[in-house]
Amino acid sequence: MNHWPFIIAAYAAVTAGIGGLSLLSWRAMRKAEAAADALRDRR
């Protein structure tokens, strides 16, 4: 039995998950930076 399709699918799933998590983290960081800038500009 050939296991390569499962291995490729597992790597693809992990890569997609890491990519999605990185995107969500980047968006949260940008939102937090904007909030910090807004507090700094309020003074």
C-alpha atoms as a PDB file:
ATOM      1  CA  MET A   1       0.000   0.000   0.000  1.00  0.00           C
ATOM      2  CA  ASN A   2       1.279   3.428  -0.924  1.00  0.00           C
ATOM      3  CA  HIS A   3       1.270   5.898   1.986  1.00  0.00           C
ATOM      4  CA  TRP A   4       2.342   9.003   0.067  1.00  0.00           C
ATOM      5  CA  PRO A   5      -1.187  10.414  -0.495  1.00  0.00           C
ATOM      6  CA  PHE A   6      -1.792  10.427   3.264  1.00  0.00           C
ATOM      7  CA  ILE A   7       1.620  11.960   3.978  1.00  0.00           C
ATOM      8  CA  ILE A   8       1.097  14.701   1.384  1.00  0.00           C
ATOM      9  CA  ALA A   9      -2.415  15.413   2.712  1.00  0.00           C
ATOM     10  CA  ALA A  10      -1.105  15.614   6.286  1.00  0.00           C
ATOM     11  CA  TYR A  11       1.634  18.064   5.292  1.00  0.00           C
ATOM     12  CA  ALA A  12      -0.898  20.123   3.327  1.00  0.00           C
ATOM     13  CA  ALA A  13      -3.272  20.250   6.304  1.00  0.00           C
ATOM     14  CA  VAL A  14      -0.502  21.309   8.691  1.00  0.00           C
ATOM     15  CA  THR A  15       0.773  23.936   6.245  1.00  0.00           C
ATOM     16  CA  ALA A  16      -2.727  25.338   5.792  1.00  0.00           C
ATOM     17  CA  GLY A  17      -3.263  25.396   9.571  1.00  0.00           C
ATOM     18  CA  ILE A  18       0.022  27.183  10.213  1.00  0.00           C
ATOM     19  CA  GLY A  19      -0.740  29.654   7.436  1.00  0.00           C
ATOM     20  CA  GLY A  20      -4.190  30.387   8.852  1.00  0.00           C
ATOM     21  CA  LEU A  21      -2.867  30.767  12.382  1.00  0.00           C
ATOM     22  CA  SER A  22      -0.114  33.086  11.150  1.00  0.00           C
ATOM     23  CA  LEU A  23      -2.657  35.213   9.292  1.00  0.00           C
ATOM     24  CA  LEU A  24      -4.930  35.469  12.335  1.00  0.00           C
ATOM     25  CA  SER A  25      -1.986  36.343  14.567  1.00  0.00           C
ATOM     26  CA  TRP A  26      -0.775  39.005  12.139  1.00  0.00           C
ATOM     27  CA  ARG A  27      -4.257  40.564  11.972  1.00  0.00           C
ATOM     28  CA  ALA A  28      -4.511  40.589  15.787  1.00  0.00           C
ATOM     29  CA  MET A  29      -1.066  42.204  16.039  1.00  0.00           C
ATOM     30  CA  ARG A  30      -2.042  44.929  13.557  1.00  0.00           C
ATOM     31  CA  LYS A  31      -5.255  45.600  15.505  1.00  0.00           C
ATOM     32  CA  ALA A  32      -3.333  45.828  18.792  1.00  0.00           C
ATOM     33  CA  GLU A  33      -0.763  48.180  17.237  1.00  0.00           C
ATOM     34  CA  ALA A  34      -3.563  50.413  15.942  1.00  0.00           C
ATOM     35  CA  ALA A  35      -5.147  50.475  19.408  1.00  0.00           C
ATOM     36  CA  ALA A  36      -1.792  51.358  20.996  1.00  0.00           C
ATOM     37  CA  ASP A  37      -1.275  54.142  18.468  1.00  0.00           C
ATOM     38  CA  ALA A  38      -4.768  55.484  19.179  1.00  0.00           C
ATOM     39  CA  LEU A  39      -3.991  55.620  22.912  1.00  0.00           C
ATOM     40  CA  ARG A  40      -0.707  57.390  22.221  1.00  0.00           C
ATOM     41  CA  ASP A  41      -2.396  59.962  19.957  1.00  0.00           C
ATOM     42  CA  ARG A  42      -5.103  60.632  22.555  1.00  0.00           C
ATOM     43  CA  ARG A  43      -2.670  62.389  24.902  1.00  0.00           C
END
